[in-house]
Amino acid sequence: MPKFHQIIEQHWQHPKPWLTFFLKPFSCVFARIAAKRRRDFLAGRTKSEKLPVPVVVVGNIHAGGAGKTPIVSALVSGLQQRGVNVGIISRGYGRAEKGVHVLNPSTTAAQAGDEPLLLYRQTGAPVAVGSSRAQAGQALLAAYPDVQMIVADDGLQHYALQRNVEIVVFPLADTVRDDLDLLPNGCLREPLSRLASVDAVVVGGGSHPSFRPSGNMFASRVEPGSIYRLSQPDEKLDLGCLKNCRTAAAAGIAKPERFFDSLRRLGVGLDEKLVLPDHADITPQDLPAADFVFVTEKDAVKLSDGPDADALNHVWVLPICAIIEPDLANFVLGRLNIESQRETV
């Protein structure tokens, strides 16, 4: 039997009239609260910290996963290629520790959260996490005083931190919907009108004839990389080895079918699929019994922390990267009137 949150999420995608009848009044209340928070921030009635370096927020107006992390990774990498010393701050959703934590090579997912740890390992950029983004930013700058810009992974509605650039990631599938509503009747944290006030909108999910990037509108798509062995990242998978072997995949992400579809498009047939909640803890004991088990990079950072990580020779990781068109890093630098310090490679 589906759990309550699953029923609600299904309703967001395929609205049911009877459920709308009960939830719509709550969405009206939520809309007034969201509008007041926004007005108070714009009027200066909200206590808001300003950091000594520019802050770029990459967030969304949707509840749940909208594909922000690959966008943040691509943006940070693009800025690094242009000679900008950039750092990352995040709430660190799902971590066990409280307070601010500046990541280091021995940091675990339990200390930082899976997505911040993934960004740290992917980009090599300084990263700090904390429920207060301002405190996380201050700690990051104290540890890395040469940081010239901070990218906040999520936090669009976190008005306690001032920002110089706001970027919203918006799913392509929702650009053609006319039934979107605010929580809890719909999946929106803020109304669609909020998109008109941000600096840029990145529409994620591939290409569609109805959408063409222009002005401050960007298109992004996710491309898979080479599958590598968890215990030996330099070793790439030879798909020929899968013949006559049992294969399985496990995913603890917001939209696991995207991961499974990517594997199928690469020629990986799956005998079993394990779906876990987004950000769920995952251990070797949770994995399906198979000769080859495939996981996302987000789940891989949690498996790699365990004492049995070296023994997981049958676990393979599918990396992904976001391709953003036109160039988002150039847009951000232009918005901040910062010149690229070296040519891109």
C-alpha atoms as a PDB file:
ATOM      1  CA  MET A   1       0.000   0.000   0.000  1.00  0.00           C
ATOM      2  CA  PRO A   2       1.469   3.408  -0.960  1.00  0.00           C
ATOM      3  CA  LYS A   3       2.617   5.655   1.860  1.00  0.00           C
ATOM      4  CA  PHE A   4       1.000   9.070   2.356  1.00  0.00           C
ATOM      5  CA  HIS A   5       3.925  10.997   0.848  1.00  0.00           C
ATOM      6  CA  GLN A   6       3.839   8.709  -2.189  1.00  0.00           C
ATOM      7  CA  ILE A   7       0.133   9.419  -2.687  1.00  0.00           C
ATOM      8  CA  ILE A   8       0.814  13.162  -2.505  1.00  0.00           C
ATOM      9  CA  GLU A   9       3.724  12.980  -4.949  1.00  0.00           C
ATOM     10  CA  GLN A  10       1.601  10.957  -7.366  1.00  0.00           C
ATOM     11  CA  HIS A  11      -1.092  13.619  -7.026  1.00  0.00           C
ATOM     12  CA  TRP A  12       1.420  16.303  -7.959  1.00  0.00           C
ATOM     13  CA  GLN A  13       2.117  14.538 -11.240  1.00  0.00           C
ATOM     14  CA  HIS A  14      -1.451  13.404 -11.948  1.00  0.00           C
ATOM     15  CA  PRO A  15      -3.868  15.588  -9.938  1.00  0.00           C
ATOM     16  CA  LYS A  16      -6.925  13.860  -8.490  1.00  0.00           C
ATOM     17  CA  PRO A  17     -10.022  16.102  -8.162  1.00  0.00           C
ATOM     18  CA  TRP A  18     -11.045  14.670  -4.793  1.00  0.00           C
ATOM     19  CA  LEU A  19      -7.594  15.280  -3.320  1.00  0.00           C
ATOM     20  CA  THR A  20      -7.431  18.773  -4.809  1.00  0.00           C
ATOM     21  CA  PHE A  21     -10.709  19.578  -3.011  1.00  0.00           C
ATOM     22  CA  PHE A  22      -9.103  18.828   0.365  1.00  0.00           C
ATOM     23  CA  LEU A  23      -5.607  20.237  -0.281  1.00  0.00           C
ATOM     24  CA  LYS A  24      -6.375  23.456  -2.178  1.00  0.00           C
ATOM     25  CA  PRO A  25      -7.244  25.507   0.958  1.00  0.00           C
ATOM     26  CA  PHE A  26      -3.890  24.591   2.494  1.00  0.00           C
ATOM     27  CA  SER A  27      -2.105  25.679  -0.696  1.00  0.00           C
ATOM     28  CA  CYS A  28      -3.829  29.069  -0.468  1.00  0.00           C
ATOM     29  CA  VAL A  29      -2.490  29.499   3.076  1.00  0.00           C
ATOM     30  CA  PHE A  30       0.977  28.378   1.975  1.00  0.00           C
ATOM     31  CA  ALA A  31       0.885  30.917  -0.895  1.00  0.00           C
ATOM     32  CA  ARG A  32       0.175  33.779   1.502  1.00  0.00           C
ATOM     33  CA  ILE A  33       3.010  32.696   3.804  1.00  0.00           C
ATOM     34  CA  ALA A  34       5.474  32.402   0.900  1.00  0.00           C
ATOM     35  CA  ALA A  35       4.421  35.814  -0.446  1.00  0.00           C
ATOM     36  CA  LYS A  36       4.870  37.461   2.948  1.00  0.00           C
ATOM     37  CA  ARG A  37       8.350  35.972   3.401  1.00  0.00           C
ATOM     38  CA  ARG A  38       9.334  37.312  -0.018  1.00  0.00           C
ATOM     39  CA  ARG A  39       7.887  40.779   0.683  1.00  0.00           C
ATOM     40  CA  ASP A  40       9.634  40.974   4.047  1.00  0.00           C
ATOM     41  CA  PHE A  41      12.963  40.096   2.419  1.00  0.00           C
ATOM     42  CA  LEU A  42      12.572  42.663  -0.354  1.00  0.00           C
ATOM     43  CA  ALA A  43      11.508  45.330   2.154  1.00  0.00           C
ATOM     44  CA  GLY A  44      14.512  44.654   4.364  1.00  0.00           C
ATOM     45  CA  ARG A  45      12.408  43.374   7.254  1.00  0.00           C
ATOM     46  CA  THR A  46      14.196  40.002   7.216  1.00  0.00           C
ATOM     47  CA  LYS A  47      17.527  39.742   8.994  1.00  0.00           C
ATOM     48  CA  SER A  48      19.896  38.821   6.189  1.00  0.00           C
ATOM     49  CA  GLU A  49      23.658  38.365   6.274  1.00  0.00           C
ATOM     50  CA  LYS A  50      25.910  39.640   3.495  1.00  0.00           C
ATOM     51  CA  LEU A  51      29.167  37.821   2.816  1.00  0.00           C
ATOM     52  CA  PRO A  52      32.274  39.708   1.607  1.00  0.00           C
ATOM     53  CA  VAL A  53      32.312  37.828  -1.724  1.00  0.00           C
ATOM     54  CA  PRO A  54      29.577  37.424  -4.363  1.00  0.00           C
ATOM     55  CA  VAL A  55      27.029  34.670  -3.672  1.00  0.00           C
ATOM     56  CA  VAL A  56      25.340  32.753  -6.488  1.00  0.00           C
ATOM     57  CA  VAL A  57      22.315  30.710  -5.408  1.00  0.00           C
ATOM     58  CA  VAL A  58      21.312  27.695  -7.503  1.00  0.00           C
ATOM     59  CA  GLY A  59      17.886  26.633  -6.292  1.00  0.00           C
ATOM     60  CA  ASN A  60      14.406  25.712  -7.400  1.00  0.00           C
ATOM     61  CA  ILE A  61      10.766  26.509  -6.767  1.00  0.00           C
ATOM     62  CA  HIS A  62       9.895  22.800  -6.735  1.00  0.00           C
ATOM     63  CA  ALA A  63       9.845  20.504  -3.730  1.00  0.00           C
ATOM     64  CA  GLY A  64      12.060  17.484  -4.180  1.00  0.00           C
ATOM     65  CA  GLY A  65      14.808  16.825  -6.666  1.00  0.00           C
ATOM     66  CA  ALA A  66      15.048  19.072  -9.697  1.00  0.00           C
ATOM     67  CA  GLY A  67      18.573  18.184 -10.784  1.00  0.00           C
ATOM     68  CA  LYS A  68      20.383  21.025  -9.035  1.00  0.00           C
ATOM     69  CA  THR A  69      23.525  19.144  -8.053  1.00  0.00           C
ATOM     70  CA  PRO A  70      24.763  18.404 -11.621  1.00  0.00           C
ATOM     71  CA  ILE A  71      24.047  22.059 -12.503  1.00  0.00           C
ATOM     72  CA  VAL A  72      26.068  23.278  -9.509  1.00  0.00           C
ATOM     73  CA  SER A  73      28.926  20.947 -10.424  1.00  0.00           C
ATOM     74  CA  ALA A  74      28.953  22.137 -14.048  1.00  0.00           C
ATOM     75  CA  LEU A  75      28.763  25.810 -13.039  1.00  0.00           C
ATOM     76  CA  VAL A  76      31.571  25.502 -10.492  1.00  0.00           C
ATOM     77  CA  SER A  77      33.766  23.628 -12.994  1.00  0.00           C
ATOM     78  CA  GLY A  78      33.091  26.302 -15.611  1.00  0.00           C
ATOM     79  CA  LEU A  79      34.053  29.081 -13.212  1.00  0.00           C
ATOM     80  CA  GLN A  80      37.212  27.203 -12.205  1.00  0.00           C
ATOM     81  CA  GLN A  81      38.195  26.869 -15.863  1.00  0.00           C
ATOM     82  CA  ARG A  82      37.984  30.653 -16.085  1.00  0.00           C
ATOM     83  CA  GLY A  83      40.383  31.121 -13.174  1.00  0.00           C
ATOM     84  CA  VAL A  84      37.806  31.891 -10.488  1.00  0.00           C
ATOM     85  CA  ASN A  85      38.536  30.472  -7.039  1.00  0.00           C
ATOM     86  CA  VAL A  86      35.032  29.366  -6.130  1.00  0.00           C
ATOM     87  CA  GLY A  87      33.650  27.682  -3.024  1.00  0.00           C
ATOM     88  CA  ILE A  88      30.373  25.860  -2.351  1.00  0.00           C
ATOM     89  CA  ILE A  89      27.969  26.039   0.578  1.00  0.00           C
ATOM     90  CA  SER A  90      24.988  23.811   1.270  1.00  0.00           C
ATOM     91  CA  ARG A  91      22.590  22.867   4.015  1.00  0.00           C
ATOM     92  CA  GLY A  92      23.910  19.300   3.877  1.00  0.00           C
ATOM     93  CA  TYR A  93      20.541  17.572   3.816  1.00  0.00           C
ATOM     94  CA  GLY A  94      20.444  14.178   5.516  1.00  0.00           C
ATOM     95  CA  ARG A  95      23.688  14.481   7.476  1.00  0.00           C
ATOM     96  CA  ALA A  96      23.881  13.224  11.035  1.00  0.00           C
ATOM     97  CA  GLU A  97      25.954  16.069  12.508  1.00  0.00           C
ATOM     98  CA  LYS A  98      24.769  19.485  13.640  1.00  0.00           C
ATOM     99  CA  GLY A  99      26.568  22.777  13.227  1.00  0.00           C
ATOM    100  CA  VAL A 100      28.867  23.938  10.463  1.00  0.00           C
ATOM    101  CA  HIS A 101      31.346  21.558   8.857  1.00  0.00           C
ATOM    102  CA  VAL A 102      34.070  22.477   6.366  1.00  0.00           C
ATOM    103  CA  LEU A 103      34.795  19.420   4.276  1.00  0.00           C
ATOM    104  CA  ASN A 104      38.222  17.771   4.185  1.00  0.00           C
ATOM    105  CA  PRO A 105      39.578  14.611   2.523  1.00  0.00           C
ATOM    106  CA  SER A 106      38.413  12.408   5.416  1.00  0.00           C
ATOM    107  CA  THR A 107      34.872  13.826   5.573  1.00  0.00           C
ATOM    108  CA  THR A 108      32.070  11.260   5.346  1.00  0.00           C
ATOM    109  CA  ALA A 109      28.541  11.535   3.970  1.00  0.00           C
ATOM    110  CA  ALA A 110      27.238  11.296   7.529  1.00  0.00           C
ATOM    111  CA  GLN A 111      29.173  14.457   8.376  1.00  0.00           C
ATOM    112  CA  ALA A 112      28.417  16.474   5.238  1.00  0.00           C
ATOM    113  CA  GLY A 113      25.477  14.924   3.398  1.00  0.00           C
ATOM    114  CA  ASP A 114      25.745  12.950   0.175  1.00  0.00           C
ATOM    115  CA  GLU A 115      25.377  15.797  -2.340  1.00  0.00           C
ATOM    116  CA  PRO A 116      27.930  18.204  -0.751  1.00  0.00           C
ATOM    117  CA  LEU A 117      30.442  15.356  -0.467  1.00  0.00           C
ATOM    118  CA  LEU A 118      29.833  14.450  -4.109  1.00  0.00           C
ATOM    119  CA  LEU A 119      30.385  18.081  -5.183  1.00  0.00           C
ATOM    120  CA  TYR A 120      33.572  18.243  -3.109  1.00  0.00           C
ATOM    121  CA  ARG A 121      34.984  15.127  -4.782  1.00  0.00           C
ATOM    122  CA  GLN A 122      33.823  16.070  -8.286  1.00  0.00           C
ATOM    123  CA  THR A 123      35.071  19.666  -8.362  1.00  0.00           C
ATOM    124  CA  GLY A 124      37.814  19.809  -5.727  1.00  0.00           C
ATOM    125  CA  ALA A 125      36.321  23.140  -4.630  1.00  0.00           C
ATOM    126  CA  PRO A 126      36.188  24.115  -0.950  1.00  0.00           C
ATOM    127  CA  VAL A 127      32.812  23.114   0.521  1.00  0.00           C
ATOM    128  CA  ALA A 128      31.087  23.940   3.807  1.00  0.00           C
ATOM    129  CA  VAL A 129      27.712  22.792   5.102  1.00  0.00           C
ATOM    130  CA  GLY A 130      25.372  24.142   7.747  1.00  0.00           C
ATOM    131  CA  SER A 131      21.710  24.881   8.359  1.00  0.00           C
ATOM    132  CA  SER A 132      22.750  28.551   8.429  1.00  0.00           C
ATOM    133  CA  ARG A 133      24.194  29.234   4.975  1.00  0.00           C
ATOM    134  CA  ALA A 134      25.662  32.512   6.237  1.00  0.00           C
ATOM    135  CA  GLN A 135      27.612  30.702   8.964  1.00  0.00           C
ATOM    136  CA  ALA A 136      28.690  28.062   6.466  1.00  0.00           C
ATOM    137  CA  GLY A 137      29.927  30.801   4.135  1.00  0.00           C
ATOM    138  CA  GLN A 138      31.805  32.542   6.945  1.00  0.00           C
ATOM    139  CA  ALA A 139      33.464  29.276   7.991  1.00  0.00           C
ATOM    140  CA  LEU A 140      34.397  28.533   4.384  1.00  0.00           C
ATOM    141  CA  LEU A 141      36.014  31.955   3.937  1.00  0.00           C
ATOM    142  CA  ALA A 142      37.847  31.622   7.252  1.00  0.00           C
ATOM    143  CA  ALA A 143      39.320  28.301   6.129  1.00  0.00           C
ATOM    144  CA  TYR A 144      39.894  29.408   2.523  1.00  0.00           C
ATOM    145  CA  PRO A 145      40.425  33.207   2.489  1.00  0.00           C
ATOM    146  CA  ASP A 146      41.345  33.163  -1.212  1.00  0.00           C
ATOM    147  CA  VAL A 147      37.841  32.114  -2.292  1.00  0.00           C
ATOM    148  CA  GLN A 148      36.503  34.783  -4.654  1.00  0.00           C
ATOM    149  CA  MET A 149      32.918  33.584  -5.122  1.00  0.00           C
ATOM    150  CA  ILE A 150      30.499  31.248  -3.369  1.00  0.00           C
ATOM    151  CA  VAL A 151      27.923  29.063  -5.078  1.00  0.00           C
ATOM    152  CA  ALA A 152      25.062  27.989  -2.804  1.00  0.00           C
ATOM    153  CA  ASP A 153      23.601  24.586  -3.617  1.00  0.00           C
ATOM    154  CA  ASP A 154      19.907  25.244  -2.952  1.00  0.00           C
ATOM    155  CA  GLY A 155      18.753  28.007  -0.614  1.00  0.00           C
ATOM    156  CA  LEU A 156      16.622  30.105  -2.976  1.00  0.00           C
ATOM    157  CA  GLN A 157      14.054  30.523  -0.183  1.00  0.00           C
ATOM    158  CA  HIS A 158      16.767  30.867   2.514  1.00  0.00           C
ATOM    159  CA  TYR A 159      16.481  34.645   2.848  1.00  0.00           C
ATOM    160  CA  ALA A 160      18.827  34.783   5.853  1.00  0.00           C
ATOM    161  CA  LEU A 161      21.654  34.967   3.298  1.00  0.00           C
ATOM    162  CA  GLN A 162      21.882  37.772   0.758  1.00  0.00           C
ATOM    163  CA  ARG A 163      22.675  36.797  -2.804  1.00  0.00           C
ATOM    164  CA  ASN A 164      24.035  38.542  -5.897  1.00  0.00           C
ATOM    165  CA  VAL A 165      22.734  36.106  -8.507  1.00  0.00           C
ATOM    166  CA  GLU A 166      19.724  33.775  -8.352  1.00  0.00           C
ATOM    167  CA  ILE A 167      19.497  30.765 -10.679  1.00  0.00           C
ATOM    168  CA  VAL A 168      16.459  28.488 -10.749  1.00  0.00           C
ATOM    169  CA  VAL A 169      16.543  24.936 -12.102  1.00  0.00           C
ATOM    170  CA  PHE A 170      13.161  24.089 -13.657  1.00  0.00           C
ATOM    171  CA  PRO A 171      12.121  20.694 -15.101  1.00  0.00           C
ATOM    172  CA  LEU A 172      11.420  20.706 -18.825  1.00  0.00           C
ATOM    173  CA  ALA A 173       8.364  18.478 -18.337  1.00  0.00           C
ATOM    174  CA  ASP A 174       6.689  21.181 -16.229  1.00  0.00           C
ATOM    175  CA  THR A 175       7.102  23.943 -18.818  1.00  0.00           C
ATOM    176  CA  VAL A 176       4.027  22.652 -20.656  1.00  0.00           C
ATOM    177  CA  ARG A 177       1.826  22.029 -17.601  1.00  0.00           C
ATOM    178  CA  ASP A 178      -1.030  24.328 -16.627  1.00  0.00           C
ATOM    179  CA  ASP A 179      -1.999  22.508 -13.424  1.00  0.00           C
ATOM    180  CA  LEU A 180       0.976  23.325 -11.207  1.00  0.00           C
ATOM    181  CA  ASP A 181       0.079  24.525  -7.718  1.00  0.00           C
ATOM    182  CA  LEU A 182       1.802  25.377  -4.456  1.00  0.00           C
ATOM    183  CA  LEU A 183       2.329  22.917  -1.613  1.00  0.00           C
ATOM    184  CA  PRO A 184       0.659  20.719  -0.551  1.00  0.00           C
ATOM    185  CA  ASN A 185      -1.788  20.526  -3.474  1.00  0.00           C
ATOM    186  CA  GLY A 186       1.127  20.903  -5.891  1.00  0.00           C
ATOM    187  CA  CYS A 187       4.893  20.618  -5.908  1.00  0.00           C
ATOM    188  CA  LEU A 188       5.755  24.335  -5.925  1.00  0.00           C
ATOM    189  CA  ARG A 189       7.437  26.151  -3.065  1.00  0.00           C
ATOM    190  CA  GLU A 190       6.781  29.510  -4.731  1.00  0.00           C
ATOM    191  CA  PRO A 191       4.451  30.579  -7.554  1.00  0.00           C
ATOM    192  CA  LEU A 192       5.574  30.483 -11.184  1.00  0.00           C
ATOM    193  CA  SER A 193       5.704  34.300 -11.129  1.00  0.00           C
ATOM    194  CA  ARG A 194       8.890  33.948  -9.044  1.00  0.00           C
ATOM    195  CA  LEU A 195      10.735  32.936 -12.218  1.00  0.00           C
ATOM    196  CA  ALA A 196      10.387  36.483 -13.518  1.00  0.00           C
ATOM    197  CA  SER A 197      12.436  37.879 -10.626  1.00  0.00           C
ATOM    198  CA  VAL A 198      15.466  35.574 -10.812  1.00  0.00           C
ATOM    199  CA  ASP A 199      18.573  36.219 -12.877  1.00  0.00           C
ATOM    200  CA  ALA A 200      18.502  32.959 -14.839  1.00  0.00           C
ATOM    201  CA  VAL A 201      16.351  29.881 -15.361  1.00  0.00           C
ATOM    202  CA  VAL A 202      17.990  26.587 -16.325  1.00  0.00           C
ATOM    203  CA  VAL A 203      15.440  24.256 -17.908  1.00  0.00           C
ATOM    204  CA  GLY A 204      16.635  20.718 -17.288  1.00  0.00           C
ATOM    205  CA  GLY A 205      15.669  17.469 -18.922  1.00  0.00           C
ATOM    206  CA  GLY A 206      16.910  17.452 -22.505  1.00  0.00           C
ATOM    207  CA  SER A 207      15.450  19.254 -25.495  1.00  0.00           C
ATOM    208  CA  HIS A 208      11.903  19.946 -26.643  1.00  0.00           C
ATOM    209  CA  PRO A 209      10.574  21.808 -29.702  1.00  0.00           C
ATOM    210  CA  SER A 210       8.567  24.105 -27.434  1.00  0.00           C
ATOM    211  CA  PHE A 211      11.658  25.418 -25.641  1.00  0.00           C
ATOM    212  CA  ARG A 212      14.601  27.352 -27.014  1.00  0.00           C
ATOM    213  CA  PRO A 213      17.203  28.947 -24.718  1.00  0.00           C
ATOM    214  CA  SER A 214      17.417  32.732 -25.042  1.00  0.00           C
ATOM    215  CA  GLY A 215      18.282  35.726 -22.873  1.00  0.00           C
ATOM    216  CA  ASN A 216      18.408  34.469 -19.310  1.00  0.00           C
ATOM    217  CA  MET A 217      16.906  31.073 -20.223  1.00  0.00           C
ATOM    218  CA  PHE A 218      19.287  28.113 -20.398  1.00  0.00           C
ATOM    219  CA  ALA A 219      18.853  24.489 -21.408  1.00  0.00           C
ATOM    220  CA  SER A 220      20.610  21.602 -19.706  1.00  0.00           C
ATOM    221  CA  ARG A 221      20.886  17.920 -20.406  1.00  0.00           C
ATOM    222  CA  VAL A 222      22.608  15.157 -18.509  1.00  0.00           C
ATOM    223  CA  GLU A 223      25.161  12.955 -20.229  1.00  0.00           C
ATOM    224  CA  PRO A 224      26.561   9.749 -18.719  1.00  0.00           C
ATOM    225  CA  GLY A 225      30.283   9.164 -18.383  1.00  0.00           C
ATOM    226  CA  SER A 226      32.228   5.930 -18.390  1.00  0.00           C
ATOM    227  CA  ILE A 227      31.089   3.377 -15.811  1.00  0.00           C
ATOM    228  CA  TYR A 228      33.870   2.719 -13.291  1.00  0.00           C
ATOM    229  CA  ARG A 229      34.507   0.244 -10.474  1.00  0.00           C
ATOM    230  CA  LEU A 230      33.722   1.652  -7.023  1.00  0.00           C
ATOM    231  CA  SER A 231      36.849   0.205  -5.406  1.00  0.00           C
ATOM    232  CA  GLN A 232      39.113   1.154  -8.348  1.00  0.00           C
ATOM    233  CA  PRO A 233      37.791   4.306 -10.054  1.00  0.00           C
ATOM    234  CA  ASP A 234      40.460   4.149 -12.765  1.00  0.00           C
ATOM    235  CA  GLU A 235      39.044   0.838 -14.014  1.00  0.00           C
ATOM    236  CA  LYS A 236      36.304   1.285 -16.629  1.00  0.00           C
ATOM    237  CA  LEU A 237      33.633  -1.299 -17.395  1.00  0.00           C
ATOM    238  CA  ASP A 238      33.853  -3.510 -20.462  1.00  0.00           C
ATOM    239  CA  LEU A 239      30.204  -4.164 -21.334  1.00  0.00           C
ATOM    240  CA  GLY A 240      31.202  -7.496 -22.856  1.00  0.00           C
ATOM    241  CA  CYS A 241      31.834  -8.781 -19.332  1.00  0.00           C
ATOM    242  CA  LEU A 242      28.115  -8.618 -18.565  1.00  0.00           C
ATOM    243  CA  LYS A 243      27.223 -11.511 -20.862  1.00  0.00           C
ATOM    244  CA  ASN A 244      25.636 -14.417 -18.943  1.00  0.00           C
ATOM    245  CA  CYS A 245      25.962 -12.467 -15.668  1.00  0.00           C
ATOM    246  CA  ARG A 246      23.262 -11.314 -13.269  1.00  0.00           C
ATOM    247  CA  THR A 247      23.001  -7.521 -13.135  1.00  0.00           C
ATOM    248  CA  ALA A 248      21.217  -5.176 -10.739  1.00  0.00           C
ATOM    249  CA  ALA A 249      21.017  -1.476  -9.976  1.00  0.00           C
ATOM    250  CA  ALA A 250      20.277   0.489  -6.809  1.00  0.00           C
ATOM    251  CA  ALA A 251      19.361   4.164  -6.564  1.00  0.00           C
ATOM    252  CA  GLY A 252      18.535   6.460  -3.661  1.00  0.00           C
ATOM    253  CA  ILE A 253      17.760   9.576  -5.702  1.00  0.00           C
ATOM    254  CA  ALA A 254      14.665  11.643  -6.411  1.00  0.00           C
ATOM    255  CA  LYS A 255      13.949  10.178  -9.856  1.00  0.00           C
ATOM    256  CA  PRO A 256      15.548   6.709  -9.958  1.00  0.00           C
ATOM    257  CA  GLU A 257      14.006   5.753 -13.317  1.00  0.00           C
ATOM    258  CA  ARG A 258      16.283   8.284 -15.010  1.00  0.00           C
ATOM    259  CA  PHE A 259      19.263   6.333 -13.698  1.00  0.00           C
ATOM    260  CA  PHE A 260      17.854   2.991 -14.782  1.00  0.00           C
ATOM    261  CA  ASP A 261      17.004   4.393 -18.227  1.00  0.00           C
ATOM    262  CA  SER A 262      20.562   5.714 -18.619  1.00  0.00           C
ATOM    263  CA  LEU A 263      21.953   2.256 -17.909  1.00  0.00           C
ATOM    264  CA  ARG A 264      19.607   0.682 -20.444  1.00  0.00           C
ATOM    265  CA  ARG A 265      20.591   3.207 -23.104  1.00  0.00           C
ATOM    266  CA  LEU A 266      24.227   2.268 -22.511  1.00  0.00           C
ATOM    267  CA  GLY A 267      23.386  -1.375 -23.138  1.00  0.00           C
ATOM    268  CA  VAL A 268      23.163  -2.557 -19.533  1.00  0.00           C
ATOM    269  CA  GLY A 269      20.225  -4.916 -19.098  1.00  0.00           C
ATOM    270  CA  LEU A 270      18.965  -5.129 -15.528  1.00  0.00           C
ATOM    271  CA  ASP A 271      17.689  -8.270 -13.821  1.00  0.00           C
ATOM    272  CA  GLU A 272      16.766  -6.367 -10.659  1.00  0.00           C
ATOM    273  CA  LYS A 273      16.172  -2.750  -9.603  1.00  0.00           C
ATOM    274  CA  LEU A 274      16.283  -1.446  -6.038  1.00  0.00           C
ATOM    275  CA  VAL A 275      14.622   1.908  -5.379  1.00  0.00           C
ATOM    276  CA  LEU A 276      15.477   3.692  -2.137  1.00  0.00           C
ATOM    277  CA  PRO A 277      14.197   7.057  -0.827  1.00  0.00           C
ATOM    278  CA  ASP A 278      16.153  10.130  -1.878  1.00  0.00           C
ATOM    279  CA  HIS A 279      19.215  10.658   0.384  1.00  0.00           C
ATOM    280  CA  ALA A 280      18.620   7.283   2.056  1.00  0.00           C
ATOM    281  CA  ASP A 281      21.514   5.615   3.831  1.00  0.00           C
ATOM    282  CA  ILE A 282      22.815   2.707   1.793  1.00  0.00           C
ATOM    283  CA  THR A 283      25.117  -0.072   2.972  1.00  0.00           C
ATOM    284  CA  PRO A 284      26.642  -3.094   1.228  1.00  0.00           C
ATOM    285  CA  GLN A 285      23.970  -5.229   2.903  1.00  0.00           C
ATOM    286  CA  ASP A 286      21.250  -3.240   1.106  1.00  0.00           C
ATOM    287  CA  LEU A 287      22.570  -4.071  -2.347  1.00  0.00           C
ATOM    288  CA  PRO A 288      20.893  -6.741  -4.489  1.00  0.00           C
ATOM    289  CA  ALA A 289      22.685 -10.051  -4.953  1.00  0.00           C
ATOM    290  CA  ALA A 290      24.233  -9.906  -8.419  1.00  0.00           C
ATOM    291  CA  ASP A 291      27.508 -10.295 -10.282  1.00  0.00           C
ATOM    292  CA  PHE A 292      27.404  -6.615 -11.233  1.00  0.00           C
ATOM    293  CA  VAL A 293      25.611  -3.962  -9.192  1.00  0.00           C
ATOM    294  CA  PHE A 294      25.327  -0.426 -10.560  1.00  0.00           C
ATOM    295  CA  VAL A 295      24.857   2.661  -8.361  1.00  0.00           C
ATOM    296  CA  THR A 296      24.712   6.425  -8.788  1.00  0.00           C
ATOM    297  CA  GLU A 297      27.640   8.635  -7.800  1.00  0.00           C
ATOM    298  CA  LYS A 298      25.445  10.108  -5.071  1.00  0.00           C
ATOM    299  CA  ASP A 299      25.005   6.654  -3.520  1.00  0.00           C
ATOM    300  CA  ALA A 300      28.614   5.726  -4.205  1.00  0.00           C
ATOM    301  CA  VAL A 301      29.945   8.375  -1.802  1.00  0.00           C
ATOM    302  CA  LYS A 302      28.019   6.678   1.017  1.00  0.00           C
ATOM    303  CA  LEU A 303      29.186   3.179   0.103  1.00  0.00           C
ATOM    304  CA  SER A 304      32.786   4.353  -0.180  1.00  0.00           C
ATOM    305  CA  ASP A 305      32.733   5.522   3.454  1.00  0.00           C
ATOM    306  CA  GLY A 306      32.077   2.070   4.885  1.00  0.00           C
ATOM    307  CA  PRO A 307      34.682  -0.343   6.255  1.00  0.00           C
ATOM    308  CA  ASP A 308      33.752  -2.887   3.563  1.00  0.00           C
ATOM    309  CA  ALA A 309      34.245  -0.498   0.640  1.00  0.00           C
ATOM    310  CA  ASP A 310      37.376  -2.241  -0.629  1.00  0.00           C
ATOM    311  CA  ALA A 311      35.495  -5.544  -0.806  1.00  0.00           C
ATOM    312  CA  LEU A 312      32.765  -4.184  -3.092  1.00  0.00           C
ATOM    313  CA  ASN A 313      34.523  -5.232  -6.277  1.00  0.00           C
ATOM    314  CA  HIS A 314      31.204  -6.085  -7.919  1.00  0.00           C
ATOM    315  CA  VAL A 315      29.839  -2.539  -7.514  1.00  0.00           C
ATOM    316  CA  TRP A 316      30.106  -0.145 -10.431  1.00  0.00           C
ATOM    317  CA  VAL A 317      29.320   3.565 -10.635  1.00  0.00           C
ATOM    318  CA  LEU A 318      27.675   5.527 -13.442  1.00  0.00           C
ATOM    319  CA  PRO A 319      28.852   9.161 -13.404  1.00  0.00           C
ATOM    320  CA  ILE A 320      26.831  11.929 -15.046  1.00  0.00           C
ATOM    321  CA  CYS A 321      27.565  15.507 -16.013  1.00  0.00           C
ATOM    322  CA  ALA A 322      25.304  18.400 -16.967  1.00  0.00           C
ATOM    323  CA  ILE A 323      25.744  20.174 -20.300  1.00  0.00           C
ATOM    324  CA  ILE A 324      24.340  23.704 -20.109  1.00  0.00           C
ATOM    325  CA  GLU A 325      23.673  25.838 -23.173  1.00  0.00           C
ATOM    326  CA  PRO A 326      24.507  28.628 -23.613  1.00  0.00           C
ATOM    327  CA  ASP A 327      27.449  28.953 -21.215  1.00  0.00           C
ATOM    328  CA  LEU A 328      26.148  29.575 -17.686  1.00  0.00           C
ATOM    329  CA  ALA A 329      29.557  30.409 -16.182  1.00  0.00           C
ATOM    330  CA  ASN A 330      30.035  33.221 -18.703  1.00  0.00           C
ATOM    331  CA  PHE A 331      26.568  34.532 -17.875  1.00  0.00           C
ATOM    332  CA  VAL A 332      27.326  34.614 -14.141  1.00  0.00           C
ATOM    333  CA  LEU A 333      30.632  36.398 -14.660  1.00  0.00           C
ATOM    334  CA  GLY A 334      28.894  38.951 -16.869  1.00  0.00           C
ATOM    335  CA  ARG A 335      26.151  39.467 -14.309  1.00  0.00           C
ATOM    336  CA  LEU A 336      28.786  40.156 -11.659  1.00  0.00           C
ATOM    337  CA  ASN A 337      30.962  42.258 -14.005  1.00  0.00           C
ATOM    338  CA  ILE A 338      33.868  39.896 -13.471  1.00  0.00           C
ATOM    339  CA  GLU A 339      36.258  39.183 -16.331  1.00  0.00           C
ATOM    340  CA  SER A 340      37.474  35.663 -16.967  1.00  0.00           C
ATOM    341  CA  GLN A 341      41.025  35.350 -15.675  1.00  0.00           C
ATOM    342  CA  ARG A 342      42.076  32.820 -18.284  1.00  0.00           C
ATOM    343  CA  GLU A 343      40.780  31.216 -21.446  1.00  0.00           C
ATOM    344  CA  THR A 344      38.642  28.106 -21.149  1.00  0.00           C
ATOM    345  CA  VAL A 345      40.124  24.801 -22.230  1.00  0.00           C
END
